[in-house]
Amino acid sequence: MEYSKKCPFCKESRLENNRLASLPTNETILFQNENIFVPVDISPICLGHILIVSNKHFLNFYEMPKNIKDDVIKIKENITRLYKEIYNTDVLFFEHGSAKSGHAGASIDHAHLHCVPYRVNIKDTLDEILGEPINCDILSSYNFKNEFSYIYLESKDIGKIIYKVDKLPSQFLREILSKKLDDDDYLWQEKCTSSKSINNLKQTITDLKGKISI
């Protein structure tokens, strides 16, 4: 099936891919304010897979201004608490942080931070492929134009780390995480209309709707 060539996270074309795939649209947005919105991923890697997305178009979270980063920090705290209550897990946050179009495995050139219940460790695999990471909080630097692409991971036991990278295969982290979960079907464009993906999307809406706030 063909998907929109417009940015799926910018306001004028938001949720267009959901409509084209005959998936739930407005109900997938769990929270929104003037800076960010939180949708359920169009093709959840697992139950509970959601995104934190900037309303304004940025390539990555590292280069966002302070007011947006402050909202992201607050919403992450809320999501962390909810996942512990609802899924009895910690949260794995990750980002394909592209500094150039298509770098770092990003398939969409609009900053979006993935949030998934943390059940498998992918750091050892990334260390083997990408080398040693460095400690870095992508939300701690303000008004900074990022000049390098990165892979970002954050969890309670990993901490906050980045791997500096250039070009990587599209949906690089989705593939690694999916395979760790014994699922070889990772491309969202193909997986989003599968019954398993649709069930995870709808159940995540049920689990989290009306519960995410700042």
N, C-alpha and C. Protein backbone atom coordinates (compact mmCIF):
# COMPACT_ATOMS: atom_id res chain seq x y z
N MET A 1 0.83 -1.18 0.00
CA MET A 1 0.00 0.00 0.00
C MET A 1 0.88 1.24 0.00
N GLU A 2 0.39 2.32 -0.61
CA GLU A 2 1.15 3.58 -0.66
C GLU A 2 0.83 4.42 0.56
N TYR A 3 1.88 5.10 1.06
CA TYR A 3 1.70 5.97 2.21
C TYR A 3 2.03 7.39 1.82
N SER A 4 1.55 8.32 2.62
CA SER A 4 1.71 9.74 2.31
C SER A 4 3.18 10.11 2.24
N LYS A 5 3.54 10.94 1.29
CA LYS A 5 4.89 11.45 1.19
C LYS A 5 5.08 12.71 2.04
N LYS A 6 4.01 13.21 2.62
CA LYS A 6 4.09 14.36 3.52
C LYS A 6 4.54 13.89 4.90
N CYS A 7 5.07 14.81 5.69
CA CYS A 7 5.51 14.45 7.04
C CYS A 7 4.31 14.02 7.87
N PRO A 8 4.30 12.79 8.41
CA PRO A 8 3.14 12.30 9.15
C PRO A 8 2.99 12.90 10.55
N PHE A 9 3.96 13.73 10.96
CA PHE A 9 3.89 14.33 12.29
C PHE A 9 3.63 15.83 12.26
N CYS A 10 3.70 16.46 11.10
CA CYS A 10 3.37 17.88 11.00
C CYS A 10 1.85 18.05 10.98
N LYS A 11 1.37 19.16 11.50
CA LYS A 11 -0.06 19.34 11.76
C LYS A 11 -0.91 19.17 10.51
N GLU A 12 -0.44 19.69 9.37
CA GLU A 12 -1.26 19.67 8.18
C GLU A 12 -1.45 18.27 7.59
N SER A 13 -0.58 17.33 7.96
CA SER A 13 -0.69 15.97 7.40
C SER A 13 -0.71 14.90 8.49
N ARG A 14 -0.87 15.31 9.73
CA ARG A 14 -0.84 14.38 10.86
C ARG A 14 -1.94 13.32 10.73
N LEU A 15 -1.57 12.08 10.99
CA LEU A 15 -2.47 10.93 10.98
C LEU A 15 -2.93 10.52 9.58
N GLU A 16 -2.33 11.13 8.55
CA GLU A 16 -2.71 10.77 7.19
C GLU A 16 -2.43 9.29 6.91
N ASN A 17 -1.30 8.79 7.40
CA ASN A 17 -0.99 7.38 7.18
C ASN A 17 -1.97 6.46 7.90
N ASN A 18 -2.42 6.87 9.08
CA ASN A 18 -3.45 6.08 9.77
C ASN A 18 -4.72 6.00 8.91
N ARG A 19 -5.11 7.13 8.33
CA ARG A 19 -6.30 7.13 7.49
C ARG A 19 -6.12 6.24 6.26
N LEU A 20 -4.95 6.35 5.62
CA LEU A 20 -4.70 5.56 4.42
C LEU A 20 -4.71 4.05 4.72
N ALA A 21 -4.29 3.70 5.94
CA ALA A 21 -4.26 2.29 6.33
C ALA A 21 -5.54 1.84 7.02
N SER A 22 -6.55 2.73 7.05
CA SER A 22 -7.84 2.42 7.70
C SER A 22 -7.67 2.06 9.17
N LEU A 23 -6.78 2.79 9.84
CA LEU A 23 -6.52 2.60 11.26
C LEU A 23 -7.16 3.73 12.06
N PRO A 24 -7.33 3.55 13.37
CA PRO A 24 -7.84 4.65 14.19
C PRO A 24 -6.99 5.91 14.01
N THR A 25 -7.63 7.06 14.08
CA THR A 25 -6.92 8.33 13.83
C THR A 25 -6.88 9.18 15.10
N ASN A 26 -7.83 10.09 15.26
CA ASN A 26 -7.76 11.04 16.38
C ASN A 26 -7.67 10.38 17.74
N GLU A 27 -8.31 9.21 17.89
CA GLU A 27 -8.29 8.54 19.19
C GLU A 27 -6.91 8.01 19.55
N THR A 28 -5.99 7.95 18.57
CA THR A 28 -4.63 7.49 18.89
C THR A 28 -3.82 8.56 19.60
N ILE A 29 -4.26 9.80 19.59
CA ILE A 29 -3.53 10.87 20.29
C ILE A 29 -3.92 10.86 21.76
N LEU A 30 -2.96 10.56 22.60
CA LEU A 30 -3.20 10.39 24.04
C LEU A 30 -3.02 11.68 24.82
N PHE A 31 -2.27 12.61 24.26
CA PHE A 31 -2.02 13.90 24.91
C PHE A 31 -1.54 14.88 23.86
N GLN A 32 -1.88 16.17 24.04
CA GLN A 32 -1.30 17.21 23.19
C GLN A 32 -1.42 18.56 23.87
N ASN A 33 -0.40 19.38 23.64
CA ASN A 33 -0.46 20.79 24.04
C ASN A 33 0.22 21.60 22.96
N GLU A 34 0.62 22.82 23.25
CA GLU A 34 1.17 23.68 22.21
C GLU A 34 2.56 23.24 21.74
N ASN A 35 3.25 22.42 22.52
CA ASN A 35 4.63 22.02 22.19
C ASN A 35 4.76 20.60 21.66
N ILE A 36 4.01 19.68 22.22
CA ILE A 36 4.20 18.25 21.90
C ILE A 36 2.87 17.54 21.78
N PHE A 37 2.90 16.36 21.17
CA PHE A 37 1.75 15.47 21.25
C PHE A 37 2.26 14.04 21.42
N VAL A 38 1.40 13.19 21.97
CA VAL A 38 1.77 11.81 22.28
C VAL A 38 0.77 10.87 21.60
N PRO A 39 1.16 10.28 20.45
CA PRO A 39 0.29 9.31 19.79
C PRO A 39 0.74 7.88 20.08
N VAL A 40 -0.17 6.94 19.90
CA VAL A 40 0.22 5.53 19.85
C VAL A 40 0.94 5.31 18.53
N ASP A 41 2.03 4.58 18.54
CA ASP A 41 2.76 4.28 17.31
C ASP A 41 1.83 3.61 16.31
N ILE A 42 1.94 3.98 15.03
CA ILE A 42 1.07 3.44 14.00
C ILE A 42 1.18 1.92 13.89
N SER A 43 2.33 1.37 14.25
CA SER A 43 2.55 -0.08 14.22
C SER A 43 3.36 -0.48 15.44
N PRO A 44 2.71 -0.63 16.58
CA PRO A 44 3.44 -0.86 17.83
C PRO A 44 4.36 -2.07 17.77
N ILE A 45 5.59 -1.89 18.21
CA ILE A 45 6.52 -3.02 18.34
C ILE A 45 5.98 -4.01 19.35
N CYS A 46 5.31 -3.47 20.38
CA CYS A 46 4.70 -4.30 21.41
C CYS A 46 3.59 -3.49 22.04
N LEU A 47 2.81 -4.11 22.88
CA LEU A 47 1.76 -3.41 23.60
C LEU A 47 2.38 -2.26 24.41
N GLY A 48 1.77 -1.07 24.32
CA GLY A 48 2.27 0.07 25.07
C GLY A 48 3.23 0.96 24.33
N HIS A 49 3.49 0.70 23.05
CA HIS A 49 4.44 1.48 22.26
C HIS A 49 3.81 2.81 21.83
N ILE A 50 4.33 3.91 22.38
CA ILE A 50 3.84 5.24 22.05
C ILE A 50 5.01 6.14 21.68
N LEU A 51 4.70 7.36 21.24
CA LEU A 51 5.71 8.31 20.82
C LEU A 51 5.52 9.65 21.52
N ILE A 52 6.61 10.37 21.70
CA ILE A 52 6.54 11.78 22.09
C ILE A 52 7.06 12.57 20.89
N VAL A 53 6.23 13.48 20.37
CA VAL A 53 6.54 14.16 19.11
C VAL A 53 6.41 15.66 19.29
N SER A 54 7.32 16.40 18.71
CA SER A 54 7.22 17.86 18.74
C SER A 54 6.20 18.33 17.71
N ASN A 55 5.41 19.34 18.06
CA ASN A 55 4.49 19.92 17.09
C ASN A 55 5.26 20.63 15.98
N LYS A 56 6.26 21.40 16.38
CA LYS A 56 7.10 22.09 15.39
C LYS A 56 8.08 21.10 14.78
N HIS A 57 8.42 21.31 13.54
CA HIS A 57 9.28 20.36 12.82
C HIS A 57 10.75 20.55 13.21
N PHE A 58 11.31 19.57 13.88
CA PHE A 58 12.74 19.48 14.17
C PHE A 58 13.22 18.13 13.67
N LEU A 59 14.52 18.04 13.36
CA LEU A 59 15.08 16.75 12.96
C LEU A 59 15.31 15.83 14.16
N ASN A 60 15.66 16.41 15.32
CA ASN A 60 15.95 15.58 16.48
C ASN A 60 15.66 16.34 17.77
N PHE A 61 15.61 15.62 18.87
CA PHE A 61 15.29 16.23 20.15
C PHE A 61 16.44 17.07 20.70
N TYR A 62 17.65 16.72 20.32
CA TYR A 62 18.82 17.40 20.87
C TYR A 62 18.81 18.89 20.58
N GLU A 63 18.26 19.27 19.42
CA GLU A 63 18.33 20.68 19.00
C GLU A 63 17.09 21.50 19.38
N MET A 64 16.19 20.94 20.14
CA MET A 64 14.97 21.65 20.48
C MET A 64 15.21 22.73 21.53
N PRO A 65 14.39 23.77 21.55
CA PRO A 65 14.52 24.82 22.56
C PRO A 65 14.04 24.34 23.94
N LYS A 66 14.39 25.10 24.95
CA LYS A 66 14.17 24.70 26.33
C LYS A 66 12.69 24.45 26.65
N ASN A 67 11.80 25.30 26.17
CA ASN A 67 10.39 25.15 26.56
C ASN A 67 9.81 23.81 26.09
N ILE A 68 10.23 23.34 24.92
CA ILE A 68 9.75 22.05 24.44
C ILE A 68 10.39 20.92 25.23
N LYS A 69 11.70 21.03 25.46
CA LYS A 69 12.39 20.00 26.23
C LYS A 69 11.81 19.86 27.64
N ASP A 70 11.45 20.97 28.24
CA ASP A 70 10.87 20.92 29.59
C ASP A 70 9.57 20.12 29.59
N ASP A 71 8.74 20.29 28.57
CA ASP A 71 7.51 19.52 28.47
C ASP A 71 7.80 18.03 28.24
N VAL A 72 8.82 17.74 27.45
CA VAL A 72 9.19 16.34 27.20
C VAL A 72 9.65 15.68 28.50
N ILE A 73 10.44 16.38 29.29
CA ILE A 73 10.91 15.84 30.56
C ILE A 73 9.72 15.51 31.47
N LYS A 74 8.74 16.42 31.54
CA LYS A 74 7.57 16.20 32.39
C LYS A 74 6.74 15.02 31.91
N ILE A 75 6.53 14.92 30.60
CA ILE A 75 5.70 13.84 30.08
C ILE A 75 6.41 12.49 30.23
N LYS A 76 7.73 12.48 30.14
CA LYS A 76 8.47 11.23 30.36
C LYS A 76 8.30 10.74 31.79
N GLU A 77 8.28 11.64 32.75
CA GLU A 77 8.08 11.25 34.14
C GLU A 77 6.71 10.61 34.32
N ASN A 78 5.70 11.19 33.69
CA ASN A 78 4.35 10.65 33.77
C ASN A 78 4.26 9.27 33.12
N ILE A 79 4.87 9.12 31.94
CA ILE A 79 4.85 7.84 31.23
C ILE A 79 5.58 6.77 32.03
N THR A 80 6.69 7.12 32.65
CA THR A 80 7.44 6.17 33.47
C THR A 80 6.58 5.63 34.61
N ARG A 81 5.85 6.52 35.25
CA ARG A 81 4.97 6.09 36.36
C ARG A 81 3.83 5.20 35.83
N LEU A 82 3.24 5.59 34.71
CA LEU A 82 2.13 4.82 34.15
C LEU A 82 2.55 3.41 33.73
N TYR A 83 3.72 3.30 33.11
CA TYR A 83 4.16 1.97 32.65
C TYR A 83 4.38 1.04 33.83
N LYS A 84 4.87 1.59 34.93
CA LYS A 84 5.07 0.76 36.12
C LYS A 84 3.71 0.29 36.65
N GLU A 85 2.70 1.18 36.62
CA GLU A 85 1.38 0.83 37.14
C GLU A 85 0.63 -0.12 36.21
N ILE A 86 0.71 0.13 34.90
CA ILE A 86 -0.13 -0.60 33.95
C ILE A 86 0.55 -1.85 33.41
N TYR A 87 1.84 -1.73 33.07
CA TYR A 87 2.55 -2.85 32.45
C TYR A 87 3.57 -3.53 33.38
N ASN A 88 3.74 -2.96 34.57
CA ASN A 88 4.70 -3.49 35.55
C ASN A 88 6.11 -3.58 34.97
N THR A 89 6.49 -2.55 34.21
CA THR A 89 7.84 -2.49 33.63
C THR A 89 8.37 -1.07 33.76
N ASP A 90 9.68 -0.96 33.55
CA ASP A 90 10.27 0.35 33.32
C ASP A 90 10.04 0.72 31.86
N VAL A 91 10.54 1.88 31.45
CA VAL A 91 10.36 2.35 30.08
C VAL A 91 11.70 2.38 29.37
N LEU A 92 11.71 1.96 28.11
CA LEU A 92 12.84 2.20 27.24
C LEU A 92 12.47 3.34 26.31
N PHE A 93 13.20 4.44 26.40
CA PHE A 93 13.06 5.56 25.47
C PHE A 93 14.16 5.44 24.42
N PHE A 94 13.83 5.64 23.15
CA PHE A 94 14.88 5.63 22.14
C PHE A 94 14.53 6.56 20.99
N GLU A 95 15.58 7.02 20.32
CA GLU A 95 15.40 7.93 19.18
C GLU A 95 16.44 7.65 18.11
N HIS A 96 15.99 7.68 16.86
CA HIS A 96 16.89 7.76 15.71
C HIS A 96 17.15 9.26 15.50
N GLY A 97 18.23 9.77 16.05
CA GLY A 97 18.49 11.21 16.05
C GLY A 97 19.22 11.67 14.81
N SER A 98 18.50 11.88 13.74
CA SER A 98 19.15 12.28 12.49
C SER A 98 19.50 13.76 12.49
N ALA A 99 20.72 14.07 12.08
CA ALA A 99 21.12 15.46 11.86
C ALA A 99 21.00 15.83 10.39
N LYS A 100 20.90 14.80 9.54
CA LYS A 100 20.66 14.97 8.11
C LYS A 100 19.54 14.02 7.72
N SER A 101 18.82 14.35 6.69
CA SER A 101 17.69 13.54 6.27
C SER A 101 18.10 12.08 6.05
N GLY A 102 17.37 11.18 6.71
CA GLY A 102 17.60 9.75 6.53
C GLY A 102 18.75 9.17 7.30
N HIS A 103 19.50 9.98 8.04
CA HIS A 103 20.61 9.45 8.83
C HIS A 103 20.10 8.78 10.11
N ALA A 104 20.96 7.99 10.73
CA ALA A 104 20.70 7.33 12.02
C ALA A 104 19.53 6.34 11.95
N GLY A 105 19.16 5.92 10.75
CA GLY A 105 18.08 4.95 10.63
C GLY A 105 16.69 5.55 10.71
N ALA A 106 16.61 6.88 10.69
CA ALA A 106 15.30 7.53 10.76
C ALA A 106 14.54 7.35 9.46
N SER A 107 13.31 6.88 9.55
CA SER A 107 12.48 6.76 8.35
C SER A 107 11.56 7.97 8.19
N ILE A 108 11.45 8.78 9.25
CA ILE A 108 10.65 10.01 9.23
C ILE A 108 11.51 11.14 9.77
N ASP A 109 11.68 12.17 8.97
CA ASP A 109 12.56 13.29 9.35
C ASP A 109 11.82 14.32 10.20
N HIS A 110 11.28 13.86 11.31
CA HIS A 110 10.62 14.74 12.28
C HIS A 110 10.85 14.11 13.64
N ALA A 111 11.40 14.87 14.57
CA ALA A 111 11.81 14.32 15.86
C ALA A 111 10.67 13.58 16.56
N HIS A 112 10.93 12.34 16.93
CA HIS A 112 9.96 11.57 17.71
C HIS A 112 10.71 10.58 18.60
N LEU A 113 10.35 10.60 19.86
CA LEU A 113 10.98 9.74 20.86
C LEU A 113 10.07 8.55 21.13
N HIS A 114 10.58 7.34 20.89
CA HIS A 114 9.81 6.13 21.13
C HIS A 114 9.80 5.80 22.62
N CYS A 115 8.67 5.30 23.10
CA CYS A 115 8.53 4.84 24.48
C CYS A 115 7.93 3.45 24.45
N VAL A 116 8.64 2.46 24.97
CA VAL A 116 8.13 1.09 24.99
C VAL A 116 8.37 0.47 26.36
N PRO A 117 7.47 -0.41 26.79
CA PRO A 117 7.74 -1.16 28.02
C PRO A 117 9.07 -1.90 27.89
N TYR A 118 9.92 -1.76 28.90
CA TYR A 118 11.30 -2.26 28.82
C TYR A 118 11.37 -3.70 29.30
N ARG A 119 11.43 -4.62 28.33
CA ARG A 119 11.48 -6.04 28.68
C ARG A 119 12.72 -6.75 28.15
N VAL A 120 13.40 -6.16 27.19
CA VAL A 120 14.61 -6.78 26.64
C VAL A 120 15.73 -5.76 26.55
N ASN A 121 16.96 -6.23 26.69
CA ASN A 121 18.14 -5.37 26.63
C ASN A 121 18.71 -5.38 25.21
N ILE A 122 18.81 -4.19 24.59
CA ILE A 122 19.41 -4.12 23.25
C ILE A 122 20.77 -3.42 23.28
N LYS A 123 21.20 -2.98 24.45
CA LYS A 123 22.47 -2.25 24.52
C LYS A 123 23.65 -3.11 24.10
N ASP A 124 23.70 -4.36 24.56
CA ASP A 124 24.83 -5.22 24.20
C ASP A 124 24.93 -5.40 22.68
N THR A 125 23.80 -5.55 22.03
CA THR A 125 23.78 -5.67 20.57
C THR A 125 24.28 -4.39 19.92
N LEU A 126 23.82 -3.25 20.42
CA LEU A 126 24.27 -1.97 19.85
C LEU A 126 25.76 -1.74 20.08
N ASP A 127 26.25 -2.15 21.24
CA ASP A 127 27.69 -2.02 21.51
C ASP A 127 28.51 -2.79 20.48
N GLU A 128 28.03 -3.98 20.13
CA GLU A 128 28.76 -4.80 19.15
C GLU A 128 28.74 -4.16 17.77
N ILE A 129 27.64 -3.55 17.41
CA ILE A 129 27.49 -2.98 16.06
C ILE A 129 28.09 -1.58 15.97
N LEU A 130 27.84 -0.75 16.99
CA LEU A 130 28.16 0.67 16.91
C LEU A 130 29.35 1.10 17.76
N GLY A 131 29.85 0.22 18.62
CA GLY A 131 30.94 0.59 19.51
C GLY A 131 30.43 1.14 20.83
N GLU A 132 31.33 1.64 21.63
CA GLU A 132 30.97 2.12 22.95
C GLU A 132 30.18 3.43 22.86
N PRO A 133 29.09 3.54 23.62
CA PRO A 133 28.34 4.80 23.65
C PRO A 133 28.96 5.80 24.61
N ILE A 134 28.43 6.99 24.61
CA ILE A 134 28.84 8.01 25.58
C ILE A 134 27.61 8.44 26.38
N ASN A 135 27.84 8.82 27.63
CA ASN A 135 26.74 9.32 28.44
C ASN A 135 26.29 10.67 27.91
N CYS A 136 25.01 10.81 27.69
CA CYS A 136 24.50 12.07 27.14
C CYS A 136 22.99 12.15 27.36
N ASP A 137 22.54 13.25 27.93
CA ASP A 137 21.11 13.51 28.07
C ASP A 137 20.72 14.48 26.95
N ILE A 138 19.95 14.00 25.97
CA ILE A 138 19.62 14.84 24.81
C ILE A 138 18.72 16.01 25.19
N LEU A 139 18.17 15.99 26.41
CA LEU A 139 17.28 17.08 26.82
C LEU A 139 17.97 18.10 27.73
N SER A 140 19.28 17.94 27.94
CA SER A 140 19.97 18.83 28.89
C SER A 140 20.66 20.01 28.24
N SER A 141 20.83 19.99 26.90
CA SER A 141 21.46 21.10 26.20
C SER A 141 20.39 21.92 25.51
N TYR A 142 20.49 23.24 25.60
CA TYR A 142 19.44 24.11 25.09
C TYR A 142 19.95 24.99 23.96
N ASN A 143 19.05 25.21 22.99
CA ASN A 143 19.34 26.10 21.86
C ASN A 143 20.66 25.74 21.19
N PHE A 144 20.79 24.47 20.89
CA PHE A 144 22.03 23.98 20.30
C PHE A 144 21.70 23.28 18.99
N LYS A 145 22.38 23.67 17.92
CA LYS A 145 22.17 23.03 16.63
C LYS A 145 23.03 21.78 16.56
N ASN A 146 22.38 20.63 16.53
CA ASN A 146 23.12 19.38 16.53
C ASN A 146 23.79 19.15 15.18
N GLU A 147 25.07 18.82 15.21
CA GLU A 147 25.83 18.64 13.97
C GLU A 147 26.17 17.18 13.70
N PHE A 148 25.69 16.27 14.53
CA PHE A 148 25.96 14.86 14.29
C PHE A 148 24.69 14.05 14.51
N SER A 149 24.58 12.95 13.80
CA SER A 149 23.46 12.03 13.99
C SER A 149 23.80 11.06 15.12
N TYR A 150 22.77 10.53 15.75
CA TYR A 150 23.00 9.68 16.91
C TYR A 150 21.86 8.68 17.08
N ILE A 151 22.15 7.65 17.83
CA ILE A 151 21.15 6.72 18.37
C ILE A 151 21.09 6.99 19.87
N TYR A 152 19.89 7.23 20.38
CA TYR A 152 19.72 7.54 21.79
C TYR A 152 18.96 6.42 22.49
N LEU A 153 19.46 6.02 23.65
CA LEU A 153 18.78 5.04 24.51
C LEU A 153 18.69 5.60 25.91
N GLU A 154 17.56 5.32 26.57
CA GLU A 154 17.42 5.71 27.97
C GLU A 154 16.53 4.72 28.69
N SER A 155 17.02 4.23 29.81
CA SER A 155 16.20 3.40 30.69
C SER A 155 16.78 3.49 32.09
N LYS A 156 16.07 2.92 33.04
CA LYS A 156 16.52 2.98 34.43
C LYS A 156 17.87 2.34 34.61
N ASP A 157 18.12 1.17 33.97
CA ASP A 157 19.39 0.48 34.18
C ASP A 157 20.48 0.90 33.20
N ILE A 158 20.11 1.36 32.00
CA ILE A 158 21.11 1.80 31.03
C ILE A 158 21.60 3.22 31.32
N GLY A 159 20.73 4.05 31.83
CA GLY A 159 21.03 5.47 31.96
C GLY A 159 20.63 6.19 30.68
N LYS A 160 21.35 7.27 30.34
CA LYS A 160 21.06 8.06 29.15
C LYS A 160 22.32 8.09 28.29
N ILE A 161 22.25 7.45 27.12
CA ILE A 161 23.45 7.28 26.31
C ILE A 161 23.15 7.55 24.84
N ILE A 162 24.20 7.92 24.11
CA ILE A 162 24.09 8.06 22.66
C ILE A 162 25.26 7.34 21.98
N TYR A 163 24.98 6.89 20.78
CA TYR A 163 26.00 6.38 19.87
C TYR A 163 26.06 7.36 18.71
N LYS A 164 27.22 7.93 18.44
CA LYS A 164 27.35 8.81 17.29
C LYS A 164 27.43 7.96 16.02
N VAL A 165 26.58 8.27 15.05
CA VAL A 165 26.47 7.45 13.85
C VAL A 165 26.30 8.35 12.62
N ASP A 166 26.34 7.73 11.45
CA ASP A 166 26.01 8.42 10.21
C ASP A 166 24.80 7.73 9.60
N LYS A 167 24.95 7.16 8.43
CA LYS A 167 23.85 6.43 7.79
C LYS A 167 23.69 5.06 8.43
N LEU A 168 22.46 4.70 8.70
CA LEU A 168 22.12 3.36 9.17
C LEU A 168 20.91 2.89 8.40
N PRO A 169 20.66 1.58 8.36
CA PRO A 169 19.46 1.10 7.68
C PRO A 169 18.20 1.72 8.27
N SER A 170 17.22 1.98 7.43
CA SER A 170 15.96 2.56 7.91
C SER A 170 15.34 1.68 8.99
N GLN A 171 14.84 2.33 10.03
CA GLN A 171 14.19 1.66 11.17
C GLN A 171 15.14 0.69 11.87
N PHE A 172 16.37 1.12 11.99
CA PHE A 172 17.45 0.31 12.57
C PHE A 172 17.09 -0.21 13.96
N LEU A 173 16.65 0.67 14.84
CA LEU A 173 16.34 0.24 16.20
C LEU A 173 15.07 -0.60 16.27
N ARG A 174 14.11 -0.28 15.43
CA ARG A 174 12.89 -1.10 15.39
C ARG A 174 13.23 -2.54 15.04
N GLU A 175 14.13 -2.72 14.08
CA GLU A 175 14.50 -4.07 13.68
C GLU A 175 15.17 -4.83 14.82
N ILE A 176 16.13 -4.19 15.48
CA ILE A 176 16.85 -4.86 16.57
C ILE A 176 15.91 -5.21 17.71
N LEU A 177 15.07 -4.26 18.10
CA LEU A 177 14.17 -4.50 19.22
C LEU A 177 13.12 -5.55 18.86
N SER A 178 12.59 -5.50 17.65
CA SER A 178 11.60 -6.49 17.22
C SER A 178 12.17 -7.90 17.26
N LYS A 179 13.39 -8.05 16.76
CA LYS A 179 14.01 -9.38 16.74
C LYS A 179 14.28 -9.88 18.16
N LYS A 180 14.61 -8.98 19.07
CA LYS A 180 14.78 -9.38 20.47
C LYS A 180 13.47 -9.89 21.05
N LEU A 181 12.36 -9.40 20.49
CA LEU A 181 11.04 -9.83 20.94
C LEU A 181 10.49 -10.96 20.08
N ASP A 182 11.40 -11.60 19.31
CA ASP A 182 11.05 -12.76 18.47
C ASP A 182 10.02 -12.41 17.40
N ASP A 183 10.19 -11.23 16.81
CA ASP A 183 9.29 -10.79 15.74
C ASP A 183 10.14 -10.24 14.60
N ASP A 184 10.18 -10.93 13.49
CA ASP A 184 10.98 -10.48 12.35
C ASP A 184 10.27 -9.44 11.50
N ASP A 185 9.00 -9.20 11.77
CA ASP A 185 8.21 -8.24 10.99
C ASP A 185 8.29 -6.88 11.67
N TYR A 186 9.20 -6.03 11.24
CA TYR A 186 9.45 -4.78 11.96
C TYR A 186 9.12 -3.52 11.17
N LEU A 187 9.05 -3.59 9.85
CA LEU A 187 8.80 -2.39 9.05
C LEU A 187 7.37 -1.90 9.27
N TRP A 188 7.24 -0.69 9.80
CA TRP A 188 5.89 -0.23 10.16
C TRP A 188 4.97 -0.15 8.95
N GLN A 189 5.52 0.16 7.78
CA GLN A 189 4.69 0.29 6.59
C GLN A 189 4.01 -1.04 6.22
N GLU A 190 4.66 -2.16 6.54
CA GLU A 190 4.12 -3.47 6.22
C GLU A 190 3.35 -4.08 7.39
N LYS A 191 3.83 -3.79 8.60
CA LYS A 191 3.27 -4.44 9.78
C LYS A 191 1.98 -3.79 10.27
N CYS A 192 1.76 -2.51 9.95
CA CYS A 192 0.69 -1.75 10.61
C CYS A 192 -0.71 -2.29 10.34
N THR A 193 -0.90 -3.03 9.25
CA THR A 193 -2.22 -3.57 8.95
C THR A 193 -2.39 -5.03 9.38
N SER A 194 -1.37 -5.59 10.04
CA SER A 194 -1.50 -6.96 10.54
C SER A 194 -2.43 -6.98 11.75
N SER A 195 -3.08 -8.10 11.98
CA SER A 195 -4.03 -8.19 13.09
C SER A 195 -3.34 -7.97 14.44
N LYS A 196 -2.12 -8.48 14.59
CA LYS A 196 -1.39 -8.30 15.85
C LYS A 196 -1.10 -6.83 16.10
N SER A 197 -0.65 -6.13 15.07
CA SER A 197 -0.34 -4.72 15.22
C SER A 197 -1.59 -3.91 15.55
N ILE A 198 -2.67 -4.17 14.85
CA ILE A 198 -3.92 -3.44 15.09
C ILE A 198 -4.43 -3.71 16.50
N ASN A 199 -4.35 -4.94 16.95
CA ASN A 199 -4.79 -5.27 18.31
C ASN A 199 -3.95 -4.54 19.35
N ASN A 200 -2.62 -4.49 19.14
CA ASN A 200 -1.74 -3.78 20.07
C ASN A 200 -2.05 -2.29 20.08
N LEU A 201 -2.32 -1.72 18.90
CA LEU A 201 -2.65 -0.30 18.81
C LEU A 201 -3.92 0.00 19.59
N LYS A 202 -4.97 -0.78 19.35
CA LYS A 202 -6.25 -0.52 20.00
C LYS A 202 -6.17 -0.76 21.51
N GLN A 203 -5.44 -1.80 21.94
CA GLN A 203 -5.33 -2.06 23.37
C GLN A 203 -4.51 -1.00 24.06
N THR A 204 -3.48 -0.47 23.38
CA THR A 204 -2.68 0.61 23.96
C THR A 204 -3.53 1.86 24.16
N ILE A 205 -4.41 2.15 23.21
CA ILE A 205 -5.35 3.27 23.39
C ILE A 205 -6.19 3.04 24.63
N THR A 206 -6.75 1.84 24.76
CA THR A 206 -7.57 1.51 25.93
C THR A 206 -6.78 1.64 27.22
N ASP A 207 -5.54 1.18 27.21
CA ASP A 207 -4.71 1.19 28.43
C ASP A 207 -4.36 2.61 28.88
N LEU A 208 -4.10 3.51 27.92
CA LEU A 208 -3.46 4.78 28.26
C LEU A 208 -4.31 6.03 28.00
N LYS A 209 -5.43 5.89 27.31
CA LYS A 209 -6.25 7.07 26.98
C LYS A 209 -6.72 7.79 28.24
N GLY A 210 -6.51 9.10 28.27
CA GLY A 210 -6.95 9.93 29.38
C GLY A 210 -6.06 9.88 30.60
N LYS A 211 -4.93 9.18 30.50
CA LYS A 211 -4.06 9.00 31.67
C LYS A 211 -2.73 9.74 31.55
N ILE A 212 -2.40 10.22 30.36
CA ILE A 212 -1.12 10.89 30.15
C ILE A 212 -1.29 12.39 30.28
N SER A 213 -0.46 13.01 31.11
CA SER A 213 -0.57 14.45 31.35
C SER A 213 0.78 15.00 31.76
N ILE A 214 0.85 16.31 31.85
CA ILE A 214 2.04 16.99 32.35
C ILE A 214 1.74 17.56 33.74
